[in-house]
Amino acid sequence: MYIQLNSQIICYEKTGEGAPVILIHGNKGDHHTFDELAETMSREHTVYAMDSRGYGESATPKEYHYADMANDVINLINALDIEKPYLVGFSDGGIIALLVAIKASDLLSGIVCCGANLNPAGIHHRDLREMKKEYKKTNDPKTLMMLVEPDITPSDLQAISVPALIIAGDDDCIKEKETKKIAANIREAKLLILEGENHFSYIVGTDKLYRYIRGFLG
């Protein structure tokens, strides 16, 4: 399905019935990242799996900024009249979930952030180096966004007034101290570091994440 939100066309899929959940994918992905998760989750929830602007079948913007993507989520909630959804964001989607909750906690029931960072310094140096090499070869604006954004402060996080579940793998490309910092600065946050998991292993091509978040979701 497609919806025009101001000047931005967003593609999304809606499945299932129950308490609403919006799934937000990571950089270079699209809503199909969550196919397995959405299938399982839709047995108990109404699931909205969206393509962020410039990804999948959503329209391509002139520039890429996390704040604009967060506004797209807010606009989607309002346009579809989604009642107090949970946000489940992976990687860039986790950043977007944080930004939505900072700006509009009143619209949400809670957020799940998987592998999110507050700024590029929260990414391990080895992974940042690879991203810089990739950008040098491709000039991909989506990669550039990860190299220069976001810029979220601990005090920004304190504006979040809904429950939050902050997750990362113990072999994640996000520094563990970054994940802990996010959780420590949100009043109603729980921290979960997954043993034996990397940035992608519990998300892509699996519904494994649901066993960790099912009890959190209303």
N, C-alpha and C. Protein backbone atom coordinates (compact mmCIF):
# COMPACT_ATOMS: atom_id res chain seq x y z
N MET A 1 0.84 -1.19 0.00
CA MET A 1 0.00 0.00 0.00
C MET A 1 0.88 1.25 0.00
N TYR A 2 0.30 2.32 -0.54
CA TYR A 2 1.04 3.58 -0.62
C TYR A 2 0.21 4.69 0.02
N ILE A 3 0.92 5.64 0.62
CA ILE A 3 0.24 6.79 1.19
C ILE A 3 1.12 8.02 0.98
N GLN A 4 0.49 9.14 0.65
CA GLN A 4 1.23 10.39 0.51
C GLN A 4 1.17 11.15 1.82
N LEU A 5 2.34 11.43 2.37
CA LEU A 5 2.46 12.14 3.63
C LEU A 5 3.16 13.46 3.34
N ASN A 6 2.38 14.52 3.28
CA ASN A 6 2.89 15.80 2.78
C ASN A 6 3.43 15.58 1.37
N SER A 7 4.70 15.80 1.13
CA SER A 7 5.24 15.63 -0.23
C SER A 7 5.93 14.28 -0.40
N GLN A 8 5.83 13.41 0.59
CA GLN A 8 6.56 12.14 0.56
C GLN A 8 5.60 10.96 0.41
N ILE A 9 5.88 10.10 -0.58
CA ILE A 9 5.09 8.89 -0.76
C ILE A 9 5.78 7.74 -0.03
N ILE A 10 5.06 7.08 0.85
CA ILE A 10 5.59 5.99 1.66
C ILE A 10 4.83 4.70 1.32
N CYS A 11 5.59 3.63 1.15
CA CYS A 11 5.03 2.30 0.94
C CYS A 11 5.03 1.54 2.27
N TYR A 12 3.95 0.81 2.52
CA TYR A 12 3.89 0.01 3.74
C TYR A 12 3.00 -1.20 3.51
N GLU A 13 3.19 -2.22 4.34
CA GLU A 13 2.31 -3.39 4.34
C GLU A 13 1.65 -3.50 5.71
N LYS A 14 0.38 -3.84 5.71
CA LYS A 14 -0.38 -4.01 6.94
C LYS A 14 -0.88 -5.44 7.03
N THR A 15 -0.57 -6.11 8.14
CA THR A 15 -1.02 -7.49 8.33
C THR A 15 -1.47 -7.69 9.77
N GLY A 16 -2.30 -8.70 9.99
CA GLY A 16 -2.66 -9.12 11.34
C GLY A 16 -3.70 -8.25 12.03
N GLU A 17 -3.99 -8.64 13.27
CA GLU A 17 -4.92 -7.92 14.12
C GLU A 17 -4.40 -7.92 15.55
N GLY A 18 -4.72 -6.85 16.27
CA GLY A 18 -4.28 -6.74 17.65
C GLY A 18 -3.60 -5.40 17.90
N ALA A 19 -2.92 -5.29 19.03
CA ALA A 19 -2.23 -4.04 19.37
C ALA A 19 -1.24 -3.69 18.25
N PRO A 20 -1.25 -2.43 17.77
CA PRO A 20 -0.45 -2.08 16.59
C PRO A 20 1.04 -1.94 16.87
N VAL A 21 1.82 -2.39 15.89
CA VAL A 21 3.28 -2.30 15.93
C VAL A 21 3.75 -1.80 14.57
N ILE A 22 4.66 -0.83 14.57
CA ILE A 22 5.28 -0.33 13.33
C ILE A 22 6.72 -0.80 13.30
N LEU A 23 7.11 -1.47 12.21
CA LEU A 23 8.47 -1.98 12.03
C LEU A 23 9.25 -1.02 11.13
N ILE A 24 10.46 -0.65 11.58
CA ILE A 24 11.28 0.32 10.84
C ILE A 24 12.65 -0.31 10.57
N HIS A 25 12.96 -0.51 9.31
CA HIS A 25 14.17 -1.24 8.89
C HIS A 25 15.43 -0.37 8.99
N GLY A 26 16.56 -0.98 8.66
CA GLY A 26 17.85 -0.30 8.72
C GLY A 26 18.33 0.20 7.37
N ASN A 27 19.53 0.78 7.38
CA ASN A 27 20.15 1.33 6.19
C ASN A 27 20.36 0.22 5.15
N LYS A 28 20.07 0.52 3.91
CA LYS A 28 20.19 -0.41 2.77
C LYS A 28 19.11 -1.48 2.74
N GLY A 29 18.21 -1.48 3.73
CA GLY A 29 17.16 -2.49 3.77
C GLY A 29 15.84 -1.95 3.26
N ASP A 30 14.79 -2.71 3.49
CA ASP A 30 13.42 -2.26 3.26
C ASP A 30 12.52 -3.09 4.18
N HIS A 31 11.21 -2.98 4.00
CA HIS A 31 10.33 -3.65 4.96
C HIS A 31 10.44 -5.17 4.91
N HIS A 32 10.99 -5.70 3.82
CA HIS A 32 11.15 -7.16 3.71
C HIS A 32 12.20 -7.70 4.70
N THR A 33 13.02 -6.81 5.27
CA THR A 33 13.93 -7.22 6.34
C THR A 33 13.17 -7.98 7.43
N PHE A 34 11.92 -7.58 7.64
CA PHE A 34 11.12 -8.11 8.74
C PHE A 34 10.08 -9.15 8.31
N ASP A 35 10.23 -9.73 7.14
CA ASP A 35 9.19 -10.65 6.64
C ASP A 35 8.87 -11.76 7.64
N GLU A 36 9.90 -12.41 8.16
CA GLU A 36 9.69 -13.52 9.09
C GLU A 36 9.11 -13.02 10.41
N LEU A 37 9.64 -11.92 10.91
CA LEU A 37 9.15 -11.35 12.15
C LEU A 37 7.70 -10.91 12.00
N ALA A 38 7.39 -10.23 10.89
CA ALA A 38 6.04 -9.72 10.68
C ALA A 38 5.04 -10.86 10.60
N GLU A 39 5.43 -11.96 9.95
CA GLU A 39 4.53 -13.10 9.84
C GLU A 39 4.17 -13.66 11.21
N THR A 40 5.17 -13.82 12.06
CA THR A 40 4.93 -14.34 13.40
C THR A 40 4.18 -13.33 14.27
N MET A 41 4.61 -12.09 14.21
CA MET A 41 4.03 -11.06 15.06
C MET A 41 2.57 -10.78 14.71
N SER A 42 2.21 -10.93 13.43
CA SER A 42 0.86 -10.59 12.98
C SER A 42 -0.20 -11.54 13.52
N ARG A 43 0.23 -12.63 14.16
CA ARG A 43 -0.74 -13.52 14.81
C ARG A 43 -1.35 -12.86 16.04
N GLU A 44 -0.65 -11.89 16.62
CA GLU A 44 -1.12 -11.24 17.84
C GLU A 44 -1.20 -9.72 17.73
N HIS A 45 -0.71 -9.16 16.63
CA HIS A 45 -0.63 -7.71 16.48
C HIS A 45 -1.03 -7.28 15.08
N THR A 46 -1.50 -6.04 14.98
CA THR A 46 -1.59 -5.39 13.68
C THR A 46 -0.21 -4.83 13.37
N VAL A 47 0.40 -5.32 12.30
CA VAL A 47 1.78 -4.97 11.98
C VAL A 47 1.82 -4.07 10.75
N TYR A 48 2.46 -2.93 10.91
CA TYR A 48 2.72 -2.02 9.80
C TYR A 48 4.22 -2.06 9.51
N ALA A 49 4.59 -2.63 8.37
CA ALA A 49 6.01 -2.70 7.98
C ALA A 49 6.20 -1.69 6.84
N MET A 50 6.96 -0.65 7.12
CA MET A 50 7.07 0.46 6.17
C MET A 50 8.46 0.52 5.53
N ASP A 51 8.49 1.06 4.30
CA ASP A 51 9.75 1.41 3.65
C ASP A 51 10.05 2.86 3.99
N SER A 52 11.20 3.12 4.60
CA SER A 52 11.60 4.50 4.84
C SER A 52 11.79 5.23 3.51
N ARG A 53 11.71 6.54 3.54
CA ARG A 53 11.88 7.32 2.31
C ARG A 53 13.18 6.96 1.61
N GLY A 54 13.08 6.74 0.29
CA GLY A 54 14.26 6.39 -0.50
C GLY A 54 14.61 4.92 -0.49
N TYR A 55 13.84 4.10 0.21
CA TYR A 55 14.09 2.67 0.30
C TYR A 55 12.89 1.90 -0.25
N GLY A 56 13.15 0.69 -0.73
CA GLY A 56 12.06 -0.14 -1.21
C GLY A 56 11.24 0.58 -2.26
N GLU A 57 9.94 0.68 -2.02
CA GLU A 57 9.05 1.31 -2.99
C GLU A 57 8.59 2.70 -2.56
N SER A 58 9.19 3.23 -1.49
CA SER A 58 8.89 4.62 -1.12
C SER A 58 9.65 5.57 -2.03
N ALA A 59 9.12 6.78 -2.17
CA ALA A 59 9.72 7.75 -3.08
C ALA A 59 11.10 8.19 -2.58
N THR A 60 11.96 8.55 -3.53
CA THR A 60 13.33 8.96 -3.22
C THR A 60 13.39 10.47 -2.95
N PRO A 61 13.92 10.87 -1.80
CA PRO A 61 14.03 12.29 -1.48
C PRO A 61 15.30 12.90 -2.07
N LYS A 62 15.39 14.21 -2.00
CA LYS A 62 16.61 14.88 -2.48
C LYS A 62 17.77 14.65 -1.53
N GLU A 63 17.47 14.57 -0.24
CA GLU A 63 18.49 14.34 0.78
C GLU A 63 17.98 13.33 1.79
N TYR A 64 18.91 12.74 2.55
CA TYR A 64 18.56 11.76 3.56
C TYR A 64 18.92 12.29 4.94
N HIS A 65 17.91 12.36 5.81
CA HIS A 65 18.12 12.79 7.19
C HIS A 65 17.22 11.97 8.10
N TYR A 66 17.76 11.54 9.23
CA TYR A 66 16.97 10.75 10.18
C TYR A 66 15.75 11.52 10.68
N ALA A 67 15.90 12.82 10.87
CA ALA A 67 14.78 13.61 11.38
C ALA A 67 13.60 13.58 10.42
N ASP A 68 13.88 13.63 9.11
CA ASP A 68 12.81 13.56 8.11
C ASP A 68 12.12 12.20 8.15
N MET A 69 12.91 11.15 8.33
CA MET A 69 12.34 9.80 8.40
C MET A 69 11.48 9.64 9.65
N ALA A 70 11.92 10.25 10.74
CA ALA A 70 11.11 10.22 11.97
C ALA A 70 9.79 10.95 11.76
N ASN A 71 9.83 12.07 11.06
CA ASN A 71 8.60 12.80 10.76
C ASN A 71 7.66 11.98 9.88
N ASP A 72 8.23 11.17 8.98
CA ASP A 72 7.40 10.30 8.15
C ASP A 72 6.63 9.30 9.03
N VAL A 73 7.29 8.77 10.05
CA VAL A 73 6.62 7.82 10.95
C VAL A 73 5.49 8.52 11.71
N ILE A 74 5.77 9.70 12.22
CA ILE A 74 4.74 10.47 12.92
C ILE A 74 3.56 10.76 11.99
N ASN A 75 3.87 11.15 10.77
CA ASN A 75 2.81 11.46 9.80
C ASN A 75 2.01 10.21 9.44
N LEU A 76 2.68 9.05 9.36
CA LEU A 76 1.98 7.80 9.08
C LEU A 76 1.01 7.46 10.21
N ILE A 77 1.48 7.58 11.45
CA ILE A 77 0.62 7.31 12.61
C ILE A 77 -0.63 8.19 12.57
N ASN A 78 -0.43 9.47 12.28
CA ASN A 78 -1.55 10.41 12.27
C ASN A 78 -2.47 10.18 11.09
N ALA A 79 -1.90 9.92 9.91
CA ALA A 79 -2.72 9.77 8.70
C ALA A 79 -3.57 8.50 8.76
N LEU A 80 -3.02 7.43 9.32
CA LEU A 80 -3.74 6.16 9.39
C LEU A 80 -4.50 6.02 10.71
N ASP A 81 -4.38 7.02 11.56
CA ASP A 81 -5.06 7.02 12.86
C ASP A 81 -4.72 5.74 13.64
N ILE A 82 -3.42 5.45 13.71
CA ILE A 82 -2.95 4.27 14.44
C ILE A 82 -2.93 4.61 15.93
N GLU A 83 -3.65 3.85 16.72
CA GLU A 83 -3.82 4.17 18.14
C GLU A 83 -2.68 3.62 18.97
N LYS A 84 -1.82 4.51 19.45
CA LYS A 84 -0.73 4.18 20.38
C LYS A 84 0.08 2.95 19.94
N PRO A 85 0.73 3.01 18.80
CA PRO A 85 1.53 1.86 18.37
C PRO A 85 2.81 1.72 19.17
N TYR A 86 3.37 0.52 19.14
CA TYR A 86 4.76 0.30 19.52
C TYR A 86 5.61 0.46 18.27
N LEU A 87 6.79 1.03 18.41
CA LEU A 87 7.76 1.09 17.32
C LEU A 87 8.83 0.05 17.57
N VAL A 88 9.16 -0.72 16.54
CA VAL A 88 10.28 -1.65 16.60
C VAL A 88 11.24 -1.25 15.49
N GLY A 89 12.39 -0.71 15.87
CA GLY A 89 13.34 -0.21 14.90
C GLY A 89 14.67 -0.94 14.97
N PHE A 90 15.22 -1.23 13.80
CA PHE A 90 16.50 -1.92 13.69
C PHE A 90 17.53 -1.00 13.06
N SER A 91 18.68 -0.81 13.73
CA SER A 91 19.80 -0.03 13.18
C SER A 91 19.32 1.40 12.92
N ASP A 92 19.32 1.87 11.67
CA ASP A 92 18.78 3.20 11.39
C ASP A 92 17.34 3.32 11.90
N GLY A 93 16.60 2.22 11.81
CA GLY A 93 15.23 2.23 12.31
C GLY A 93 15.16 2.45 13.81
N GLY A 94 16.17 1.97 14.53
CA GLY A 94 16.25 2.22 15.96
C GLY A 94 16.49 3.69 16.26
N ILE A 95 17.34 4.31 15.47
CA ILE A 95 17.57 5.75 15.61
C ILE A 95 16.27 6.51 15.36
N ILE A 96 15.58 6.12 14.30
CA ILE A 96 14.31 6.77 13.96
C ILE A 96 13.30 6.62 15.09
N ALA A 97 13.24 5.42 15.68
CA ALA A 97 12.32 5.20 16.80
C ALA A 97 12.64 6.12 17.97
N LEU A 98 13.92 6.28 18.27
CA LEU A 98 14.32 7.20 19.34
C LEU A 98 13.85 8.62 19.03
N LEU A 99 14.07 9.06 17.79
CA LEU A 99 13.71 10.43 17.42
C LEU A 99 12.20 10.65 17.47
N VAL A 100 11.42 9.64 17.06
CA VAL A 100 9.97 9.76 17.15
C VAL A 100 9.55 9.89 18.61
N ALA A 101 10.14 9.04 19.47
CA ALA A 101 9.76 9.07 20.88
C ALA A 101 10.20 10.37 21.56
N ILE A 102 11.33 10.93 21.16
CA ILE A 102 11.76 12.21 21.70
C ILE A 102 10.76 13.31 21.34
N LYS A 103 10.28 13.27 20.11
CA LYS A 103 9.40 14.33 19.61
C LYS A 103 7.93 14.10 19.95
N ALA A 104 7.52 12.82 20.03
CA ALA A 104 6.08 12.55 20.10
C ALA A 104 5.78 11.30 20.92
N SER A 105 6.30 11.23 22.13
CA SER A 105 6.00 10.09 23.00
C SER A 105 4.51 9.91 23.21
N ASP A 106 3.77 11.01 23.15
CA ASP A 106 2.32 10.94 23.41
C ASP A 106 1.58 10.10 22.38
N LEU A 107 2.20 9.85 21.23
CA LEU A 107 1.56 9.05 20.18
C LEU A 107 1.80 7.55 20.37
N LEU A 108 2.72 7.18 21.26
CA LEU A 108 3.24 5.82 21.31
C LEU A 108 2.87 5.08 22.59
N SER A 109 2.94 3.74 22.50
CA SER A 109 2.87 2.90 23.70
C SER A 109 4.26 2.52 24.20
N GLY A 110 5.24 2.47 23.31
CA GLY A 110 6.60 2.11 23.69
C GLY A 110 7.46 1.94 22.45
N ILE A 111 8.76 1.77 22.67
CA ILE A 111 9.69 1.59 21.56
C ILE A 111 10.66 0.44 21.86
N VAL A 112 11.03 -0.27 20.80
CA VAL A 112 12.09 -1.27 20.85
C VAL A 112 13.17 -0.81 19.88
N CYS A 113 14.38 -0.60 20.39
CA CYS A 113 15.49 -0.12 19.55
C CYS A 113 16.57 -1.19 19.50
N CYS A 114 16.86 -1.68 18.32
CA CYS A 114 17.86 -2.74 18.13
C CYS A 114 19.05 -2.18 17.37
N GLY A 115 20.22 -2.17 17.99
CA GLY A 115 21.43 -1.74 17.31
C GLY A 115 21.41 -0.29 16.91
N ALA A 116 20.96 0.59 17.80
CA ALA A 116 20.89 2.03 17.51
C ALA A 116 22.10 2.74 18.11
N ASN A 117 22.43 3.91 17.56
CA ASN A 117 23.50 4.73 18.10
C ASN A 117 23.05 6.18 18.17
N LEU A 118 23.67 6.94 19.07
CA LEU A 118 23.33 8.35 19.26
C LEU A 118 24.06 9.26 18.29
N ASN A 119 25.24 8.84 17.87
CA ASN A 119 26.03 9.57 16.88
C ASN A 119 27.03 8.60 16.27
N PRO A 120 27.72 9.00 15.19
CA PRO A 120 28.63 8.07 14.52
C PRO A 120 29.74 7.52 15.42
N ALA A 121 30.13 8.27 16.44
CA ALA A 121 31.17 7.80 17.35
C ALA A 121 30.75 6.57 18.14
N GLY A 122 29.45 6.29 18.17
CA GLY A 122 28.95 5.10 18.85
C GLY A 122 29.15 3.82 18.08
N ILE A 123 29.64 3.93 16.84
CA ILE A 123 29.94 2.76 16.00
C ILE A 123 31.40 2.37 16.20
N HIS A 124 31.67 1.08 16.26
CA HIS A 124 33.06 0.62 16.39
C HIS A 124 33.92 1.17 15.26
N HIS A 125 35.16 1.50 15.59
CA HIS A 125 36.06 2.13 14.62
C HIS A 125 36.24 1.29 13.36
N ARG A 126 36.34 -0.03 13.54
CA ARG A 126 36.56 -0.89 12.36
C ARG A 126 35.39 -0.80 11.39
N ASP A 127 34.19 -0.69 11.92
CA ASP A 127 33.01 -0.61 11.06
C ASP A 127 32.88 0.77 10.43
N LEU A 128 33.25 1.81 11.17
CA LEU A 128 33.26 3.15 10.59
C LEU A 128 34.24 3.24 9.44
N ARG A 129 35.40 2.60 9.58
CA ARG A 129 36.39 2.61 8.51
C ARG A 129 35.83 1.98 7.24
N GLU A 130 35.13 0.86 7.41
CA GLU A 130 34.54 0.19 6.24
C GLU A 130 33.47 1.06 5.60
N MET A 131 32.69 1.75 6.40
CA MET A 131 31.65 2.63 5.87
C MET A 131 32.28 3.79 5.09
N LYS A 132 33.39 4.32 5.60
CA LYS A 132 34.07 5.42 4.91
C LYS A 132 34.65 4.94 3.58
N LYS A 133 35.20 3.71 3.57
CA LYS A 133 35.70 3.15 2.32
C LYS A 133 34.57 2.98 1.30
N GLU A 134 33.43 2.50 1.80
CA GLU A 134 32.28 2.30 0.92
C GLU A 134 31.81 3.63 0.33
N TYR A 135 31.75 4.65 1.18
CA TYR A 135 31.29 5.94 0.69
C TYR A 135 32.25 6.52 -0.34
N LYS A 136 33.53 6.31 -0.12
CA LYS A 136 34.53 6.81 -1.08
C LYS A 136 34.34 6.19 -2.45
N LYS A 137 33.91 4.92 -2.46
CA LYS A 137 33.70 4.21 -3.74
C LYS A 137 32.37 4.57 -4.38
N THR A 138 31.33 4.76 -3.57
CA THR A 138 29.97 4.82 -4.11
C THR A 138 29.33 6.21 -4.06
N ASN A 139 29.80 7.07 -3.16
CA ASN A 139 29.14 8.36 -2.92
C ASN A 139 27.65 8.19 -2.60
N ASP A 140 27.31 7.10 -1.95
CA ASP A 140 25.92 6.81 -1.61
C ASP A 140 25.47 7.74 -0.48
N PRO A 141 24.43 8.55 -0.71
CA PRO A 141 23.98 9.48 0.34
C PRO A 141 23.45 8.77 1.58
N LYS A 142 23.01 7.53 1.43
CA LYS A 142 22.53 6.78 2.59
C LYS A 142 23.70 6.41 3.51
N THR A 143 24.84 6.09 2.90
CA THR A 143 26.04 5.83 3.69
C THR A 143 26.54 7.10 4.34
N LEU A 144 26.51 8.20 3.60
CA LEU A 144 26.93 9.48 4.16
C LEU A 144 26.11 9.84 5.39
N MET A 145 24.82 9.56 5.35
CA MET A 145 23.96 9.87 6.50
C MET A 145 24.47 9.17 7.75
N MET A 146 24.88 7.92 7.62
CA MET A 146 25.39 7.18 8.78
C MET A 146 26.71 7.75 9.28
N LEU A 147 27.48 8.39 8.40
CA LEU A 147 28.78 8.93 8.77
C LEU A 147 28.69 10.30 9.45
N VAL A 148 27.58 11.00 9.25
CA VAL A 148 27.48 12.36 9.80
C VAL A 148 26.31 12.54 10.76
N GLU A 149 25.41 11.59 10.81
CA GLU A 149 24.24 11.64 11.68
C GLU A 149 24.13 10.31 12.42
N PRO A 150 23.30 10.26 13.48
CA PRO A 150 22.51 11.33 14.08
C PRO A 150 23.34 12.14 15.06
N ASP A 151 22.70 13.05 15.75
CA ASP A 151 23.35 13.83 16.82
C ASP A 151 22.35 13.95 17.97
N ILE A 152 22.18 12.84 18.68
CA ILE A 152 21.23 12.76 19.79
C ILE A 152 22.01 12.84 21.10
N THR A 153 21.60 13.70 22.00
CA THR A 153 22.30 13.84 23.28
C THR A 153 21.56 13.06 24.37
N PRO A 154 22.26 12.71 25.45
CA PRO A 154 21.58 12.06 26.57
C PRO A 154 20.41 12.88 27.09
N SER A 155 20.53 14.20 27.09
CA SER A 155 19.42 15.03 27.57
C SER A 155 18.23 14.95 26.61
N ASP A 156 18.48 14.77 25.32
CA ASP A 156 17.38 14.56 24.37
C ASP A 156 16.58 13.32 24.75
N LEU A 157 17.29 12.26 25.13
CA LEU A 157 16.64 11.00 25.46
C LEU A 157 15.70 11.13 26.65
N GLN A 158 15.99 12.08 27.52
CA GLN A 158 15.18 12.24 28.72
C GLN A 158 13.78 12.78 28.42
N ALA A 159 13.56 13.19 27.18
CA ALA A 159 12.21 13.61 26.77
C ALA A 159 11.32 12.40 26.48
N ILE A 160 11.91 11.20 26.38
CA ILE A 160 11.12 10.00 26.09
C ILE A 160 10.38 9.57 27.35
N SER A 161 9.06 9.48 27.24
CA SER A 161 8.24 9.19 28.42
C SER A 161 7.46 7.89 28.29
N VAL A 162 7.85 7.05 27.33
CA VAL A 162 7.20 5.74 27.18
C VAL A 162 8.22 4.65 27.47
N PRO A 163 7.76 3.44 27.81
CA PRO A 163 8.71 2.34 28.03
C PRO A 163 9.55 2.07 26.79
N ALA A 164 10.81 1.71 27.03
CA ALA A 164 11.74 1.43 25.93
C ALA A 164 12.52 0.16 26.24
N LEU A 165 12.71 -0.65 25.22
CA LEU A 165 13.55 -1.84 25.31
C LEU A 165 14.71 -1.62 24.36
N ILE A 166 15.92 -1.53 24.92
CA ILE A 166 17.11 -1.22 24.15
C ILE A 166 17.93 -2.50 24.00
N ILE A 167 18.14 -2.92 22.75
CA ILE A 167 18.73 -4.22 22.46
C ILE A 167 19.95 -4.08 21.55
N ALA A 168 20.94 -4.93 21.77
CA ALA A 168 22.06 -5.05 20.84
C ALA A 168 22.69 -6.43 21.04
N GLY A 169 23.40 -6.89 20.03
CA GLY A 169 24.16 -8.12 20.17
C GLY A 169 25.47 -7.88 20.89
N ASP A 170 26.01 -8.92 21.50
CA ASP A 170 27.30 -8.73 22.19
C ASP A 170 28.47 -8.65 21.21
N ASP A 171 28.20 -8.90 19.91
CA ASP A 171 29.20 -8.73 18.86
C ASP A 171 28.68 -7.73 17.82
N ASP A 172 28.05 -6.69 18.32
CA ASP A 172 27.40 -5.69 17.46
C ASP A 172 28.43 -4.71 16.91
N CYS A 173 28.08 -4.04 15.80
CA CYS A 173 28.92 -2.96 15.30
C CYS A 173 28.74 -1.69 16.12
N ILE A 174 27.71 -1.68 16.97
CA ILE A 174 27.52 -0.57 17.91
C ILE A 174 28.27 -0.89 19.20
N LYS A 175 29.01 0.08 19.71
CA LYS A 175 29.75 -0.12 20.96
C LYS A 175 28.77 -0.43 22.09
N GLU A 176 29.14 -1.38 22.93
CA GLU A 176 28.24 -1.75 24.03
C GLU A 176 28.01 -0.58 24.97
N LYS A 177 29.02 0.24 25.18
CA LYS A 177 28.83 1.39 26.06
C LYS A 177 27.83 2.38 25.48
N GLU A 178 27.70 2.41 24.16
CA GLU A 178 26.71 3.27 23.52
C GLU A 178 25.29 2.77 23.80
N THR A 179 25.11 1.45 23.66
CA THR A 179 23.81 0.85 23.94
C THR A 179 23.42 1.08 25.40
N LYS A 180 24.38 0.92 26.29
CA LYS A 180 24.11 1.13 27.72
C LYS A 180 23.80 2.60 28.02
N LYS A 181 24.46 3.51 27.31
CA LYS A 181 24.20 4.93 27.51
C LYS A 181 22.76 5.29 27.11
N ILE A 182 22.30 4.71 26.00
CA ILE A 182 20.93 4.97 25.56
C ILE A 182 19.94 4.52 26.64
N ALA A 183 20.12 3.29 27.12
CA ALA A 183 19.21 2.75 28.13
C ALA A 183 19.26 3.55 29.43
N ALA A 184 20.45 4.00 29.80
CA ALA A 184 20.61 4.70 31.08
C ALA A 184 19.95 6.06 31.10
N ASN A 185 19.70 6.62 29.92
CA ASN A 185 19.17 7.98 29.86
C ASN A 185 17.69 8.06 29.47
N ILE A 186 17.04 6.90 29.41
CA ILE A 186 15.59 6.87 29.19
C ILE A 186 14.95 6.36 30.47
N ARG A 187 14.01 7.10 31.00
CA ARG A 187 13.47 6.80 32.33
C ARG A 187 12.89 5.39 32.45
N GLU A 188 12.15 4.97 31.46
CA GLU A 188 11.50 3.66 31.52
C GLU A 188 12.12 2.71 30.52
N ALA A 189 13.43 2.51 30.64
CA ALA A 189 14.14 1.67 29.68
C ALA A 189 14.65 0.39 30.32
N LYS A 190 14.62 -0.68 29.53
CA LYS A 190 15.25 -1.93 29.89
C LYS A 190 16.34 -2.22 28.86
N LEU A 191 17.43 -2.78 29.33
CA LEU A 191 18.59 -3.08 28.48
C LEU A 191 18.69 -4.58 28.27
N LEU A 192 18.97 -4.98 27.03
CA LEU A 192 19.12 -6.39 26.72
C LEU A 192 20.28 -6.56 25.74
N ILE A 193 21.38 -7.16 26.21
CA ILE A 193 22.52 -7.49 25.36
C ILE A 193 22.44 -8.98 25.04
N LEU A 194 22.32 -9.31 23.77
CA LEU A 194 22.07 -10.69 23.35
C LEU A 194 23.38 -11.42 23.12
N GLU A 195 23.60 -12.46 23.91
CA GLU A 195 24.83 -13.24 23.81
C GLU A 195 24.87 -14.00 22.49
N GLY A 196 26.03 -13.94 21.83
CA GLY A 196 26.24 -14.69 20.59
C GLY A 196 25.60 -14.07 19.36
N GLU A 197 25.12 -12.84 19.47
CA GLU A 197 24.46 -12.20 18.33
C GLU A 197 25.28 -10.99 17.86
N ASN A 198 25.24 -10.76 16.54
CA ASN A 198 25.86 -9.57 15.99
C ASN A 198 24.78 -8.55 15.62
N HIS A 199 25.11 -7.61 14.76
CA HIS A 199 24.16 -6.54 14.43
C HIS A 199 22.92 -7.08 13.72
N PHE A 200 23.12 -8.12 12.89
CA PHE A 200 22.05 -8.58 12.00
C PHE A 200 21.43 -9.92 12.40
N SER A 201 22.15 -10.73 13.15
CA SER A 201 21.84 -12.17 13.23
C SER A 201 20.50 -12.48 13.87
N TYR A 202 19.99 -11.62 14.73
CA TYR A 202 18.71 -11.89 15.39
C TYR A 202 17.55 -11.14 14.73
N ILE A 203 17.86 -10.46 13.61
CA ILE A 203 16.86 -9.64 12.92
C ILE A 203 16.59 -10.16 11.51
N VAL A 204 17.63 -10.27 10.71
CA VAL A 204 17.48 -10.51 9.27
C VAL A 204 17.23 -11.99 8.99
N GLY A 205 16.12 -12.26 8.31
CA GLY A 205 15.81 -13.63 7.91
C GLY A 205 15.36 -14.53 9.03
N THR A 206 14.87 -13.95 10.13
CA THR A 206 14.46 -14.75 11.29
C THR A 206 13.40 -14.00 12.09
N ASP A 207 12.61 -14.75 12.84
CA ASP A 207 11.66 -14.13 13.76
C ASP A 207 12.16 -14.20 15.20
N LYS A 208 13.44 -14.47 15.35
CA LYS A 208 14.04 -14.66 16.68
C LYS A 208 13.77 -13.48 17.61
N LEU A 209 13.74 -12.28 17.07
CA LEU A 209 13.55 -11.10 17.91
C LEU A 209 12.26 -11.18 18.72
N TYR A 210 11.25 -11.82 18.17
CA TYR A 210 9.94 -11.81 18.83
C TYR A 210 9.97 -12.46 20.21
N ARG A 211 10.81 -13.47 20.37
CA ARG A 211 10.87 -14.13 21.68
C ARG A 211 11.39 -13.18 22.76
N TYR A 212 12.19 -12.20 22.34
CA TYR A 212 12.75 -11.24 23.30
C TYR A 212 11.81 -10.08 23.58
N ILE A 213 10.93 -9.75 22.64
CA ILE A 213 10.11 -8.54 22.79
C ILE A 213 8.64 -8.82 23.02
N ARG A 214 8.22 -10.07 22.90
CA ARG A 214 6.81 -10.39 23.00
C ARG A 214 6.21 -9.92 24.32
N GLY A 215 6.92 -10.18 25.41
CA GLY A 215 6.40 -9.78 26.72
C GLY A 215 6.38 -8.27 26.91
N PHE A 216 7.19 -7.54 26.15
CA PHE A 216 7.25 -6.08 26.25
C PHE A 216 6.08 -5.43 25.54
N LEU A 217 5.67 -6.03 24.43
CA LEU A 217 4.61 -5.46 23.61
C LEU A 217 3.25 -5.70 24.23
N GLY A 218 2.40 -4.71 24.21
CA GLY A 218 1.08 -4.84 24.78
C GLY A 218 0.15 -5.69 23.93
